[in-house]
N, C-alpha and C. Protein backbone atom coordinates (compact mmCIF):
# COMPACT_ATOMS: atom_id res chain seq x y z
N MET A 1 45.14 -57.12 -73.08
CA MET A 1 44.36 -57.13 -74.00
C MET A 1 44.79 -58.15 -75.11
N LYS A 2 43.85 -58.97 -75.53
CA LYS A 2 44.19 -59.98 -76.59
C LYS A 2 43.76 -59.62 -77.84
N GLU A 3 44.26 -60.11 -78.87
CA GLU A 3 43.84 -59.90 -80.27
C GLU A 3 43.43 -61.02 -81.02
N ILE A 4 42.32 -61.04 -81.79
CA ILE A 4 42.11 -62.09 -82.53
C ILE A 4 41.86 -61.63 -84.13
N ARG A 5 42.65 -62.31 -85.02
CA ARG A 5 42.89 -61.85 -86.28
C ARG A 5 41.95 -62.77 -87.27
N PHE A 6 41.15 -62.08 -88.27
CA PHE A 6 40.40 -62.74 -89.12
C PHE A 6 40.92 -62.37 -90.51
N GLY A 7 40.57 -63.01 -91.51
CA GLY A 7 40.62 -62.51 -92.93
C GLY A 7 39.14 -62.23 -93.48
N PRO A 8 38.98 -61.67 -94.66
CA PRO A 8 37.84 -61.44 -95.07
C PRO A 8 37.04 -62.63 -95.48
N ASN A 9 37.82 -63.47 -95.86
CA ASN A 9 37.24 -64.86 -96.43
C ASN A 9 37.35 -66.03 -95.40
N THR A 10 37.41 -65.65 -94.06
CA THR A 10 37.54 -66.78 -93.11
C THR A 10 36.24 -67.81 -93.18
N ASP A 11 36.66 -69.02 -93.14
CA ASP A 11 35.71 -69.97 -93.14
C ASP A 11 34.94 -70.33 -91.78
N ASP A 12 33.87 -71.07 -91.78
CA ASP A 12 33.00 -71.18 -90.73
C ASP A 12 33.83 -72.11 -89.80
N HIS A 13 34.53 -73.02 -89.93
CA HIS A 13 35.18 -73.83 -89.12
C HIS A 13 36.37 -72.78 -88.43
N ASP A 14 37.13 -72.18 -89.20
CA ASP A 14 37.93 -71.14 -88.41
C ASP A 14 37.46 -70.22 -87.49
N PHE A 15 36.25 -69.66 -88.00
CA PHE A 15 35.45 -68.72 -87.36
C PHE A 15 35.16 -69.06 -85.89
N GLU A 16 34.74 -70.46 -86.00
CA GLU A 16 33.97 -71.02 -84.70
C GLU A 16 35.37 -71.33 -83.65
N PHE A 17 36.52 -71.65 -84.38
CA PHE A 17 37.78 -71.85 -83.64
C PHE A 17 38.33 -70.84 -82.77
N LYS A 18 38.19 -69.52 -83.61
CA LYS A 18 38.79 -68.30 -82.98
C LYS A 18 37.56 -67.65 -82.04
N THR A 19 36.40 -68.14 -82.23
CA THR A 19 35.36 -67.51 -81.32
C THR A 19 35.62 -68.31 -79.98
N LYS A 20 35.96 -69.59 -80.02
CA LYS A 20 36.09 -70.33 -78.79
C LYS A 20 37.32 -69.58 -78.07
N HIS A 21 38.43 -69.17 -78.67
CA HIS A 21 39.51 -68.70 -77.96
C HIS A 21 39.12 -67.17 -77.51
N ALA A 22 38.30 -66.34 -78.24
CA ALA A 22 37.82 -65.21 -77.84
C ALA A 22 37.07 -65.33 -76.63
N ARG A 23 36.19 -66.37 -76.41
CA ARG A 23 35.37 -66.60 -75.43
C ARG A 23 36.21 -66.95 -74.08
N LYS A 24 37.18 -67.68 -74.34
CA LYS A 24 38.07 -68.03 -73.21
C LYS A 24 38.81 -66.86 -72.70
N PHE A 25 39.32 -65.93 -73.55
CA PHE A 25 39.90 -64.73 -73.17
C PHE A 25 39.08 -63.72 -72.29
N ILE A 26 37.81 -63.75 -72.90
CA ILE A 26 36.77 -62.80 -72.16
C ILE A 26 36.48 -63.51 -70.82
N GLU A 27 36.18 -64.70 -70.63
CA GLU A 27 35.96 -65.35 -69.52
C GLU A 27 37.06 -65.11 -68.47
N GLU A 28 38.26 -65.11 -69.00
CA GLU A 28 39.57 -64.85 -67.99
C GLU A 28 39.42 -63.33 -67.66
N GLY A 29 38.71 -62.36 -68.25
CA GLY A 29 38.68 -61.07 -67.74
C GLY A 29 39.52 -60.15 -68.72
N ALA A 30 40.00 -60.53 -69.83
CA ALA A 30 40.66 -59.72 -70.75
C ALA A 30 39.89 -59.07 -71.81
N LYS A 31 40.34 -58.12 -72.22
CA LYS A 31 39.69 -57.25 -73.21
C LYS A 31 40.14 -57.87 -74.64
N VAL A 32 39.21 -57.91 -75.66
CA VAL A 32 39.49 -58.58 -76.92
C VAL A 32 39.42 -57.59 -77.86
N LYS A 33 40.44 -57.56 -78.86
CA LYS A 33 40.44 -56.72 -80.07
C LYS A 33 40.41 -57.61 -81.08
N ALA A 34 39.34 -57.67 -81.66
CA ALA A 34 38.94 -58.64 -83.09
C ALA A 34 39.13 -57.65 -84.16
N PHE A 35 39.99 -58.26 -85.12
CA PHE A 35 39.96 -57.27 -86.43
C PHE A 35 40.24 -58.26 -87.65
N VAL A 36 39.83 -57.57 -88.75
CA VAL A 36 39.83 -58.08 -90.03
C VAL A 36 40.98 -57.33 -90.85
N PHE A 37 41.81 -58.35 -91.42
CA PHE A 37 43.11 -57.63 -92.07
C PHE A 37 42.90 -57.99 -93.61
N PHE A 38 42.71 -56.79 -94.38
CA PHE A 38 42.65 -56.89 -95.75
C PHE A 38 43.89 -56.93 -96.48
N LYS A 39 44.35 -57.94 -97.20
CA LYS A 39 45.49 -57.78 -98.07
C LYS A 39 45.27 -57.56 -99.56
N GLY A 40 45.99 -56.75 -100.24
CA GLY A 40 45.79 -56.44 -101.64
C GLY A 40 44.33 -56.29 -102.04
N ARG A 41 43.73 -56.88 -102.99
CA ARG A 41 42.69 -56.60 -103.47
C ARG A 41 41.36 -57.08 -102.56
N THR A 42 41.62 -57.77 -101.45
CA THR A 42 40.50 -57.90 -100.56
C THR A 42 39.81 -56.86 -99.82
N ILE A 43 40.51 -55.66 -100.14
CA ILE A 43 39.92 -54.53 -99.31
C ILE A 43 38.39 -54.18 -100.08
N ILE A 44 38.20 -54.76 -101.24
CA ILE A 44 36.91 -54.49 -101.66
C ILE A 44 35.76 -55.28 -101.04
N PHE A 45 36.17 -56.21 -100.07
CA PHE A 45 35.17 -56.92 -99.28
C PHE A 45 35.01 -56.39 -97.90
N LYS A 46 34.79 -55.14 -97.73
CA LYS A 46 34.78 -54.35 -96.44
C LYS A 46 33.45 -54.96 -95.76
N ASP A 47 32.33 -55.15 -96.64
CA ASP A 47 31.13 -55.50 -96.03
C ASP A 47 31.15 -56.89 -95.44
N ARG A 48 31.88 -57.92 -96.06
CA ARG A 48 32.34 -59.27 -95.44
C ARG A 48 32.91 -59.09 -94.10
N GLY A 49 33.84 -58.18 -93.88
CA GLY A 49 34.57 -57.94 -92.73
C GLY A 49 33.75 -57.54 -91.62
N GLN A 50 32.94 -56.63 -92.13
CA GLN A 50 32.02 -56.16 -91.11
C GLN A 50 30.98 -56.97 -90.68
N ILE A 51 30.40 -58.07 -91.41
CA ILE A 51 29.42 -58.99 -91.11
C ILE A 51 30.15 -59.86 -90.14
N LEU A 52 31.50 -60.29 -90.61
CA LEU A 52 32.33 -61.06 -89.75
C LEU A 52 32.33 -60.67 -88.27
N LEU A 53 32.86 -59.46 -88.09
CA LEU A 53 32.85 -58.90 -86.68
C LEU A 53 31.64 -58.80 -85.98
N LEU A 54 30.48 -58.49 -86.67
CA LEU A 54 29.18 -58.37 -86.01
C LEU A 54 28.76 -59.76 -85.74
N LYS A 55 29.13 -60.76 -86.45
CA LYS A 55 28.71 -61.98 -86.29
C LYS A 55 29.26 -62.60 -84.90
N LEU A 56 30.68 -62.36 -84.66
CA LEU A 56 31.41 -62.43 -83.44
C LEU A 56 30.82 -61.83 -82.38
N ALA A 57 30.45 -60.45 -82.60
CA ALA A 57 29.75 -59.81 -81.41
C ALA A 57 28.44 -60.60 -80.87
N GLN A 58 27.72 -61.08 -81.83
CA GLN A 58 26.45 -61.73 -81.49
C GLN A 58 26.69 -63.12 -80.84
N GLU A 59 27.60 -63.72 -81.23
CA GLU A 59 28.31 -65.07 -80.68
C GLU A 59 28.53 -64.96 -79.19
N LEU A 60 29.27 -63.70 -78.76
CA LEU A 60 29.69 -63.53 -77.68
C LEU A 60 28.82 -62.64 -76.63
N GLU A 61 27.67 -62.26 -77.22
CA GLU A 61 26.86 -61.21 -76.65
C GLU A 61 26.52 -61.43 -75.06
N ASP A 62 26.44 -62.95 -74.80
CA ASP A 62 26.25 -63.27 -73.36
C ASP A 62 27.25 -63.04 -72.29
N ILE A 63 28.45 -62.99 -72.90
CA ILE A 63 29.43 -62.50 -71.98
C ILE A 63 30.23 -61.45 -72.08
N ALA A 64 29.93 -60.75 -73.29
CA ALA A 64 30.87 -59.68 -73.60
C ALA A 64 29.76 -58.39 -74.10
N THR A 65 30.42 -57.20 -74.08
CA THR A 65 29.85 -56.10 -74.59
C THR A 65 30.66 -55.43 -75.68
N VAL A 66 30.06 -54.82 -76.81
CA VAL A 66 30.96 -54.21 -77.75
C VAL A 66 31.22 -52.93 -77.20
N GLU A 67 32.47 -52.36 -77.27
CA GLU A 67 32.81 -51.24 -76.82
C GLU A 67 32.75 -50.20 -77.79
N ALA A 68 33.02 -50.61 -79.25
CA ALA A 68 32.93 -49.68 -80.32
C ALA A 68 32.59 -50.56 -81.58
N LEU A 69 31.61 -50.12 -82.38
CA LEU A 69 31.36 -50.81 -83.50
C LEU A 69 32.38 -51.03 -84.54
N PRO A 70 32.45 -51.86 -85.47
CA PRO A 70 33.62 -52.05 -86.35
C PRO A 70 33.87 -50.80 -87.41
N LYS A 71 35.16 -50.42 -87.18
CA LYS A 71 35.69 -49.29 -88.05
C LYS A 71 37.01 -49.46 -88.65
N MET A 72 37.09 -48.89 -89.68
CA MET A 72 38.27 -49.04 -90.59
C MET A 72 39.47 -48.32 -90.02
N ASP A 73 40.65 -48.71 -90.04
CA ASP A 73 41.97 -48.08 -89.74
C ASP A 73 43.12 -48.59 -90.74
N GLY A 74 43.21 -48.01 -91.95
CA GLY A 74 44.08 -48.33 -92.87
C GLY A 74 43.58 -49.75 -93.58
N LYS A 75 44.42 -50.74 -93.44
CA LYS A 75 43.84 -52.15 -93.91
C LYS A 75 43.20 -53.02 -93.05
N ARG A 76 42.88 -52.43 -91.86
CA ARG A 76 42.31 -53.31 -90.74
C ARG A 76 40.86 -52.67 -90.37
N MET A 77 40.02 -53.63 -90.18
CA MET A 77 38.78 -53.20 -89.57
C MET A 77 38.67 -53.98 -88.29
N PHE A 78 38.55 -52.88 -87.20
CA PHE A 78 38.60 -53.60 -85.93
C PHE A 78 37.43 -53.20 -85.06
N MET A 79 37.24 -53.98 -83.85
CA MET A 79 36.16 -53.95 -83.03
C MET A 79 36.76 -54.39 -81.74
N TYR A 80 36.20 -53.70 -80.45
CA TYR A 80 36.73 -54.01 -79.17
C TYR A 80 35.50 -54.65 -78.34
N LEU A 81 35.87 -55.66 -77.70
CA LEU A 81 34.81 -56.43 -76.89
C LEU A 81 35.50 -56.39 -75.46
N THR A 82 34.54 -56.08 -74.37
CA THR A 82 34.96 -56.10 -73.09
C THR A 82 34.02 -57.19 -72.31
N PRO A 83 34.53 -57.78 -71.28
CA PRO A 83 33.82 -58.60 -70.40
C PRO A 83 32.58 -57.77 -69.61
N LYS A 84 31.43 -58.45 -69.55
CA LYS A 84 30.31 -58.01 -68.93
C LYS A 84 30.64 -57.84 -67.39
N LYS A 85 30.10 -57.03 -66.68
CA LYS A 85 30.19 -57.06 -65.21
C LYS A 85 29.21 -58.13 -64.66
N LYS A 86 29.81 -58.84 -63.66
CA LYS A 86 29.16 -60.02 -63.06
C LYS A 86 28.46 -59.54 -61.89
N ASN A 87 27.13 -59.80 -61.70
CA ASN A 87 26.40 -59.39 -60.53
C ASN A 87 26.65 -60.61 -59.72
N LYS A 88 27.08 -60.16 -58.34
CA LYS A 88 27.07 -61.26 -57.18
C LYS A 88 26.00 -60.96 -56.20
């Protein structure tokens, strides 16, 4: 399992960069745990974190399925992505 970490204020360029890494991991057959880490007062931006994770799921929907929708665990909001089964 591979992990991709975001902050609630992740910029578009950084998001695209991390999405490329997540795509590579999934194509290699690894599960990806994407999470947004909230530090200090950024915990008030839970909606931004959820939007970020759902945007990631939408970007990777052609090769990955969402195992669980984003949920909070302490200061982290996480979501699991698994590779889709290939039909041969």
